[in-house]
Amino acid sequence: MAMTLKELAIKKPVALDLYRKMVLIRRFEEKASEMYGRAKIGGFLHLYIGEEAVAVGTIPPLEPRDYIVTHYREHGHALARGLETRRIMAELFGKATGTSKGKGGSMHLFDASKGFMGGYAIVGAMMPIATGLALASNYRDEGRICLCIFGDGAVNEGEFHESFNLAALWNLPVLFLLENNGFGMGTSVKRAHAGKEMCHLADAFGIPSEMVDGMDVLAVREAAIRAINHVRSGKGPFFLEAITYRFRGHSMADPVAYRDKEEEQEWKRRDPVVTFRRELLQSRAASEENIAKIEHSVDEEIAEAVAFADASPNPAHDEMFKDIYRE
């Protein structure tokens, strides 16, 4: 069971920042859903609602110099890393002011200045890239570690085993983070994976692992700090599996007809934003006034992001031929 705020002796500003980041992700995603419905956002849109505790628990403990490589449900990761809210929204709108100049969209956010080395739409594709970044860090003696985030569908891909093998062989500074939300698109993990606890897949490569409650931001933060310290100390890779749940479908095009409604309600009772808010109030780490100020501030930030994205120009036509190759 996760430690309480009091037991962790977590400082009030840190606790409030964790809550703000989770609320920011939640409100951003809700607004993105609205903008998609209004045809302001095109293409695919994969929402992170329900999984906020994983991003907010793992990413802030990293150092600014560290790398992050992730999958296509990455809005929450980018926000937790500190990418500008308005530039992320502009990217979703396909505008020139977006993080990828409006050419990446929802699935391909990127900001090298933040060490955020992209979301990748191919399942498992981020894993060899993360392994390569970790190898480069070792080769250059940079002291940077790489956080590699992927979903449960990726564990059945060849890249998973190849990356784990090389990371272990070469003792690379990479933290593999599995966001196990129970479904690969519309297929339950139980129907797609023959094993049980996925964290034990690391045993074959001699990589230490841990499973954590991905709906509890303090539990995730505690586990992430242990894992990050392990990797940064030169002991090689670590595999962290966070058990979580997405409250929306795989994408905005998904009617979610394959999920049991009682199961959904059971998970929603563990909503990480709601439960952490309650814990902040019960532990007196925050007052109702503190909470209200945070939520108002977030609402203003989201409104400004939408206005910025709406007013931003579309990419110029000749942008189609730029950023294709690097000489």
Protein backbone atom coordinates (compact mmCIF):
# COMPACT_ATOMS: atom_id res chain seq x y z
CA MET A 1 0.00 0.00 0.00
CA ALA A 2 1.25 3.48 -0.84
CA MET A 3 2.49 5.73 1.92
CA THR A 4 0.36 8.69 2.93
CA LEU A 5 1.40 12.30 2.50
CA LYS A 6 2.27 12.46 6.19
CA GLU A 7 4.32 9.25 6.11
CA LEU A 8 6.23 10.41 3.05
CA ALA A 9 6.87 13.77 4.70
CA ILE A 10 6.29 15.22 1.22
CA LYS A 11 6.46 19.00 1.21
CA LYS A 12 3.24 20.89 0.61
CA PRO A 13 4.49 22.71 -2.55
CA VAL A 14 5.50 19.37 -4.08
CA ALA A 15 2.13 17.82 -3.25
CA LEU A 16 0.26 20.77 -4.72
CA ASP A 17 2.42 20.66 -7.85
CA LEU A 18 1.59 16.98 -8.31
CA TYR A 19 -2.10 17.82 -8.10
CA ARG A 20 -1.78 20.76 -10.48
CA LYS A 21 -0.01 18.67 -13.09
CA MET A 22 -2.66 15.96 -12.93
CA VAL A 23 -5.47 18.51 -13.20
CA LEU A 24 -3.69 20.19 -16.11
CA ILE A 25 -3.48 16.90 -17.99
CA ARG A 26 -7.11 16.05 -17.23
CA ARG A 27 -8.48 19.44 -18.30
CA PHE A 28 -6.24 19.55 -21.36
CA GLU A 29 -7.52 16.18 -22.51
CA GLU A 30 -11.13 17.11 -21.86
CA LYS A 31 -10.67 20.29 -23.90
CA ALA A 32 -8.90 18.35 -26.66
CA SER A 33 -11.89 16.01 -26.84
CA GLU A 34 -14.18 19.04 -27.17
CA MET A 35 -12.01 20.59 -29.88
CA TYR A 36 -11.95 17.31 -31.79
CA GLY A 37 -15.75 17.28 -31.73
CA ARG A 38 -15.72 20.81 -33.13
CA ALA A 39 -13.36 19.73 -35.95
CA LYS A 40 -10.56 21.96 -34.68
CA ILE A 41 -8.39 18.84 -34.31
CA GLY A 42 -8.13 16.31 -37.12
CA GLY A 43 -6.55 12.90 -37.57
CA PHE A 44 -6.16 10.57 -34.61
CA LEU A 45 -6.57 11.61 -31.00
CA HIS A 46 -5.68 9.23 -28.16
CA LEU A 47 -6.64 10.60 -24.75
CA TYR A 48 -4.75 9.97 -21.51
CA ILE A 49 -7.68 10.49 -19.13
CA GLY A 50 -7.37 8.12 -16.15
CA GLU A 51 -3.62 7.58 -16.45
CA GLU A 52 -2.43 10.96 -15.14
CA ALA A 53 -0.78 9.55 -12.01
CA VAL A 54 1.72 7.58 -14.09
CA ALA A 55 3.07 10.57 -16.01
CA VAL A 56 3.07 12.88 -13.00
CA GLY A 57 4.64 10.27 -10.73
CA THR A 58 7.51 9.32 -13.05
CA ILE A 59 8.50 12.35 -15.11
CA PRO A 60 9.08 15.21 -12.58
CA PRO A 61 11.71 13.20 -10.61
CA LEU A 62 13.87 13.06 -13.76
CA GLU A 63 16.63 15.61 -14.31
CA PRO A 64 16.19 18.22 -17.08
CA ARG A 65 19.05 16.65 -19.06
CA ASP A 66 17.39 13.22 -19.21
CA TYR A 67 15.68 11.86 -22.31
CA ILE A 68 12.07 10.78 -22.68
CA VAL A 69 10.84 8.63 -25.56
CA THR A 70 7.21 7.61 -25.61
CA HIS A 71 4.16 6.35 -27.53
CA TYR A 72 1.25 8.05 -29.27
CA ARG A 73 -0.86 8.66 -26.11
CA GLU A 74 1.69 11.23 -25.03
CA HIS A 75 -0.07 14.54 -24.28
CA GLY A 76 0.16 13.83 -20.54
CA HIS A 77 3.85 12.98 -20.77
CA ALA A 78 4.60 16.22 -22.62
CA LEU A 79 2.66 18.31 -20.09
CA ALA A 80 4.32 16.56 -17.14
CA ARG A 81 7.70 17.29 -18.74
CA GLY A 82 6.91 20.98 -18.97
CA LEU A 83 6.35 21.48 -22.69
CA GLU A 84 4.29 24.62 -23.27
CA THR A 85 0.59 23.90 -23.01
CA ARG A 86 -0.26 26.30 -25.81
CA ARG A 87 2.32 24.81 -28.18
CA ILE A 88 1.02 21.32 -27.53
CA MET A 89 -2.52 22.50 -28.26
CA ALA A 90 -1.30 24.26 -31.40
CA GLU A 91 0.29 21.02 -32.56
CA LEU A 92 -3.01 19.22 -32.09
CA PHE A 93 -4.63 21.98 -34.18
CA GLY A 94 -1.98 21.42 -36.87
CA LYS A 95 -0.63 24.96 -36.57
CA ALA A 96 2.85 26.27 -37.40
CA THR A 97 3.40 27.28 -33.76
CA GLY A 98 3.06 23.69 -32.56
CA THR A 99 5.81 21.63 -31.02
CA SER A 100 6.43 19.90 -34.36
CA LYS A 101 5.47 22.90 -36.53
CA GLY A 102 2.00 21.46 -37.01
CA LYS A 103 3.31 18.50 -38.97
CA GLY A 104 3.25 15.86 -36.26
CA GLY A 105 -0.14 16.25 -34.70
CA SER A 106 -1.35 14.45 -31.61
CA MET A 107 0.92 11.43 -31.96
CA HIS A 108 4.22 13.17 -32.66
CA LEU A 109 4.95 15.84 -30.06
CA PHE A 110 8.64 16.73 -29.85
CA ASP A 111 10.85 19.17 -27.96
CA ALA A 112 14.57 18.39 -27.90
CA SER A 113 15.22 21.35 -25.58
CA LYS A 114 13.27 19.44 -22.91
CA GLY A 115 14.83 16.09 -23.77
CA PHE A 116 11.40 15.06 -25.06
CA MET A 117 12.44 13.00 -28.06
CA GLY A 118 9.03 12.26 -29.45
CA GLY A 119 5.94 10.17 -29.40
CA TYR A 120 5.94 7.26 -31.85
CA ALA A 121 2.87 5.84 -33.56
CA ILE A 122 4.31 2.41 -34.34
CA VAL A 123 3.78 0.04 -31.41
CA GLY A 124 7.14 -0.68 -29.79
CA ALA A 125 9.05 1.70 -32.08
CA MET A 126 10.23 3.88 -29.21
CA MET A 127 12.15 1.06 -27.54
CA PRO A 128 15.14 0.74 -29.92
CA ILE A 129 15.33 4.55 -30.06
CA ALA A 130 15.44 4.78 -26.27
CA THR A 131 18.08 2.06 -26.13
CA GLY A 132 20.14 3.97 -28.70
CA LEU A 133 19.87 7.22 -26.73
CA ALA A 134 20.99 5.41 -23.58
CA LEU A 135 23.92 3.91 -25.50
CA ALA A 136 24.88 7.38 -26.76
CA SER A 137 24.74 8.74 -23.23
CA ASN A 138 27.11 6.03 -22.02
CA TYR A 139 29.43 6.44 -25.02
CA ARG A 140 29.69 10.19 -24.46
CA ASP A 141 29.81 9.83 -20.68
CA GLU A 142 26.95 12.34 -20.36
CA GLY A 143 25.28 10.90 -17.27
CA ARG A 144 21.84 11.20 -18.87
CA ILE A 145 19.29 8.45 -18.48
CA CYS A 146 16.42 7.68 -20.83
CA LEU A 147 12.82 7.06 -19.79
CA CYS A 148 11.13 4.80 -22.33
CA ILE A 149 7.32 4.69 -22.03
CA PHE A 150 5.21 2.09 -23.82
CA GLY A 151 1.90 0.27 -23.55
CA ASP A 152 1.01 -3.33 -22.86
CA GLY A 153 0.62 -4.08 -26.58
CA ALA A 154 4.34 -3.46 -27.10
CA VAL A 155 5.49 -6.36 -24.92
CA ASN A 156 4.49 -8.80 -27.66
CA GLU A 157 6.64 -7.03 -30.23
CA GLY A 158 10.15 -8.10 -31.18
CA GLU A 159 11.53 -4.65 -30.32
CA PHE A 160 10.67 -5.25 -26.67
CA HIS A 161 12.92 -8.31 -26.35
CA GLU A 162 15.67 -6.93 -28.57
CA SER A 163 15.84 -3.68 -26.60
CA PHE A 164 15.79 -5.39 -23.22
CA ASN A 165 18.53 -7.75 -24.37
CA LEU A 166 20.87 -5.01 -25.59
CA ALA A 167 20.15 -2.75 -22.62
CA ALA A 168 21.09 -5.57 -20.26
CA LEU A 169 24.13 -6.68 -22.26
CA TRP A 170 25.54 -3.17 -22.45
CA ASN A 171 24.39 -2.05 -19.00
CA LEU A 172 22.55 0.95 -20.43
CA PRO A 173 20.94 3.75 -18.39
CA VAL A 174 17.35 3.24 -19.54
CA LEU A 175 14.19 3.05 -17.43
CA PHE A 176 11.57 1.02 -19.25
CA LEU A 177 8.09 2.11 -18.11
CA LEU A 178 5.08 0.00 -19.05
CA GLU A 179 1.71 1.74 -18.81
CA ASN A 180 -0.45 -1.36 -18.53
CA ASN A 181 -3.98 -0.06 -19.03
CA GLY A 182 -5.41 -3.51 -19.68
CA PHE A 183 -6.13 -3.13 -23.37
CA GLY A 184 -4.16 -3.01 -26.60
CA MET A 185 -6.61 -1.04 -28.74
CA GLY A 186 -9.79 -3.08 -28.14
CA THR A 187 -8.15 -6.33 -27.09
CA SER A 188 -7.86 -7.27 -23.44
CA VAL A 189 -4.40 -8.14 -22.16
CA LYS A 190 -5.85 -11.46 -21.02
CA ARG A 191 -6.54 -12.40 -24.64
CA ALA A 192 -3.25 -11.11 -26.05
CA HIS A 193 -0.58 -12.09 -23.53
CA ALA A 194 0.07 -15.63 -22.28
CA GLY A 195 1.95 -14.61 -19.18
CA LYS A 196 0.70 -13.04 -15.97
CA GLU A 197 2.61 -10.15 -14.40
CA MET A 198 4.40 -8.47 -17.28
CA CYS A 199 7.12 -7.02 -15.07
CA HIS A 200 8.56 -10.54 -14.74
CA LEU A 201 9.40 -10.57 -18.45
CA ALA A 202 12.52 -8.68 -17.38
CA ASP A 203 13.71 -11.70 -15.38
CA ALA A 204 14.92 -13.43 -18.53
CA PHE A 205 17.37 -10.60 -19.12
CA GLY A 206 18.48 -10.15 -15.53
CA ILE A 207 16.83 -6.72 -15.37
CA PRO A 208 15.29 -5.81 -11.99
CA SER A 209 11.61 -4.89 -12.09
CA GLU A 210 8.74 -3.66 -9.97
CA MET A 211 4.97 -3.39 -10.32
CA VAL A 212 3.18 -0.31 -8.98
CA ASP A 213 -0.38 0.96 -8.61
CA GLY A 214 -0.60 3.40 -11.50
CA MET A 215 -3.71 5.06 -10.06
CA ASP A 216 -1.81 6.34 -7.01
CA VAL A 217 0.52 9.22 -7.82
CA LEU A 218 2.49 8.90 -4.56
CA ALA A 219 3.05 5.18 -5.06
CA VAL A 220 4.22 5.82 -8.63
CA ARG A 221 6.51 8.65 -7.54
CA GLU A 222 8.05 6.52 -4.80
CA ALA A 223 8.68 3.59 -7.18
CA ALA A 224 9.96 5.90 -9.93
CA ILE A 225 12.51 7.53 -7.65
CA ARG A 226 13.84 4.09 -6.67
CA ALA A 227 14.05 3.05 -10.32
CA ILE A 228 15.67 6.31 -11.44
CA ASN A 229 18.28 6.09 -8.69
CA HIS A 230 19.07 2.51 -9.74
CA VAL A 231 19.57 3.48 -13.38
CA ARG A 232 21.50 6.67 -12.67
CA SER A 233 23.89 4.90 -10.31
CA GLY A 234 25.28 2.84 -13.18
CA LYS A 235 23.53 -0.42 -12.30
CA GLY A 236 21.92 -0.72 -15.73
CA PRO A 237 18.30 -0.79 -16.90
CA PHE A 238 15.17 -1.12 -14.78
CA PHE A 239 11.64 -2.20 -15.72
CA LEU A 240 8.69 -0.50 -13.99
CA GLU A 241 5.14 -1.70 -14.69
CA ALA A 242 2.33 0.69 -13.74
CA ILE A 243 -1.16 -0.84 -13.57
CA THR A 244 -3.57 1.83 -14.77
CA TYR A 245 -6.75 2.32 -16.80
CA ARG A 246 -7.83 4.67 -19.54
CA PHE A 247 -11.30 6.07 -18.96
CA ARG A 248 -11.87 6.77 -22.66
CA GLY A 249 -11.55 4.50 -25.66
CA HIS A 250 -8.38 3.71 -27.56
CA SER A 251 -9.00 6.80 -29.67
CA MET A 252 -11.82 9.23 -30.32
CA ALA A 253 -13.06 6.82 -33.00
CA ASP A 254 -13.50 4.01 -30.47
CA PRO A 255 -17.07 3.39 -29.15
CA VAL A 256 -15.63 1.15 -26.38
CA ALA A 257 -18.24 -1.56 -26.93
CA TYR A 258 -15.81 -4.27 -25.82
CA ARG A 259 -15.46 -3.18 -22.16
CA ASP A 260 -17.56 -4.23 -19.21
CA LYS A 261 -19.39 -1.21 -17.74
CA GLU A 262 -19.06 -2.47 -14.18
CA GLU A 263 -15.33 -2.76 -14.68
CA GLU A 264 -15.21 0.81 -15.94
CA GLN A 265 -17.11 2.11 -12.92
CA GLU A 266 -14.87 0.17 -10.54
CA TRP A 267 -11.78 1.82 -12.02
CA LYS A 268 -13.38 5.26 -12.09
CA ARG A 269 -13.91 5.02 -8.35
CA ARG A 270 -10.10 5.02 -8.18
CA ASP A 271 -9.78 8.14 -10.34
CA PRO A 272 -6.25 9.40 -9.53
CA VAL A 273 -7.22 13.07 -9.67
CA VAL A 274 -10.24 12.68 -7.40
CA THR A 275 -8.54 10.41 -4.88
CA PHE A 276 -5.44 12.59 -4.59
CA ARG A 277 -7.58 15.68 -4.16
CA ARG A 278 -9.37 13.93 -1.30
CA GLU A 279 -6.08 12.90 0.28
CA LEU A 280 -4.73 16.45 0.08
CA LEU A 281 -7.78 17.75 1.90
CA GLN A 282 -7.94 14.98 4.51
CA SER A 283 -4.23 15.30 5.33
CA ARG A 284 -4.58 19.10 5.43
CA ALA A 285 -1.81 19.45 2.88
CA ALA A 286 -4.25 21.67 1.00
CA SER A 287 -7.39 23.65 1.70
CA GLU A 288 -10.47 24.01 -0.47
CA GLU A 289 -9.16 27.46 -1.33
CA ASN A 290 -5.80 26.04 -2.46
CA ILE A 291 -7.59 23.52 -4.66
CA ALA A 292 -9.90 26.14 -6.15
CA LYS A 293 -6.96 28.42 -7.01
CA ILE A 294 -5.12 25.58 -8.73
CA GLU A 295 -8.14 24.55 -10.77
CA HIS A 296 -8.90 28.15 -11.77
CA SER A 297 -5.28 28.66 -12.82
CA VAL A 298 -5.41 25.51 -14.94
CA ASP A 299 -8.66 26.56 -16.59
CA GLU A 300 -7.11 29.89 -17.53
CA GLU A 301 -4.03 28.15 -18.96
CA ILE A 302 -6.18 25.83 -21.07
CA ALA A 303 -8.33 28.71 -22.34
CA GLU A 304 -5.21 30.64 -23.32
CA ALA A 305 -3.82 27.57 -25.10
CA VAL A 306 -6.97 27.19 -27.20
CA ALA A 307 -7.00 30.89 -28.08
CA PHE A 308 -3.31 30.73 -29.05
CA ALA A 309 -3.83 27.63 -31.19
CA ASP A 310 -6.91 29.07 -32.87
CA ALA A 311 -5.13 32.31 -33.76
CA SER A 312 -1.92 30.64 -34.97
CA PRO A 313 -1.20 30.33 -38.72
CA ASN A 314 -1.28 27.09 -40.66
CA PRO A 315 2.10 25.75 -41.83
CA ALA A 316 3.31 27.17 -45.15
CA HIS A 317 2.97 24.82 -48.11
CA ASP A 318 6.75 24.49 -48.55
CA GLU A 319 6.97 23.02 -45.01
CA MET A 320 5.92 19.72 -46.62
CA PHE A 321 9.45 19.40 -47.99
CA LYS A 322 11.33 20.39 -44.85
CA ASP A 323 12.49 18.30 -41.87
CA ILE A 324 12.38 15.14 -43.95
CA TYR A 325 16.09 14.32 -44.00
CA ARG A 326 18.97 15.40 -41.79
CA GLU A 327 22.31 15.89 -43.55
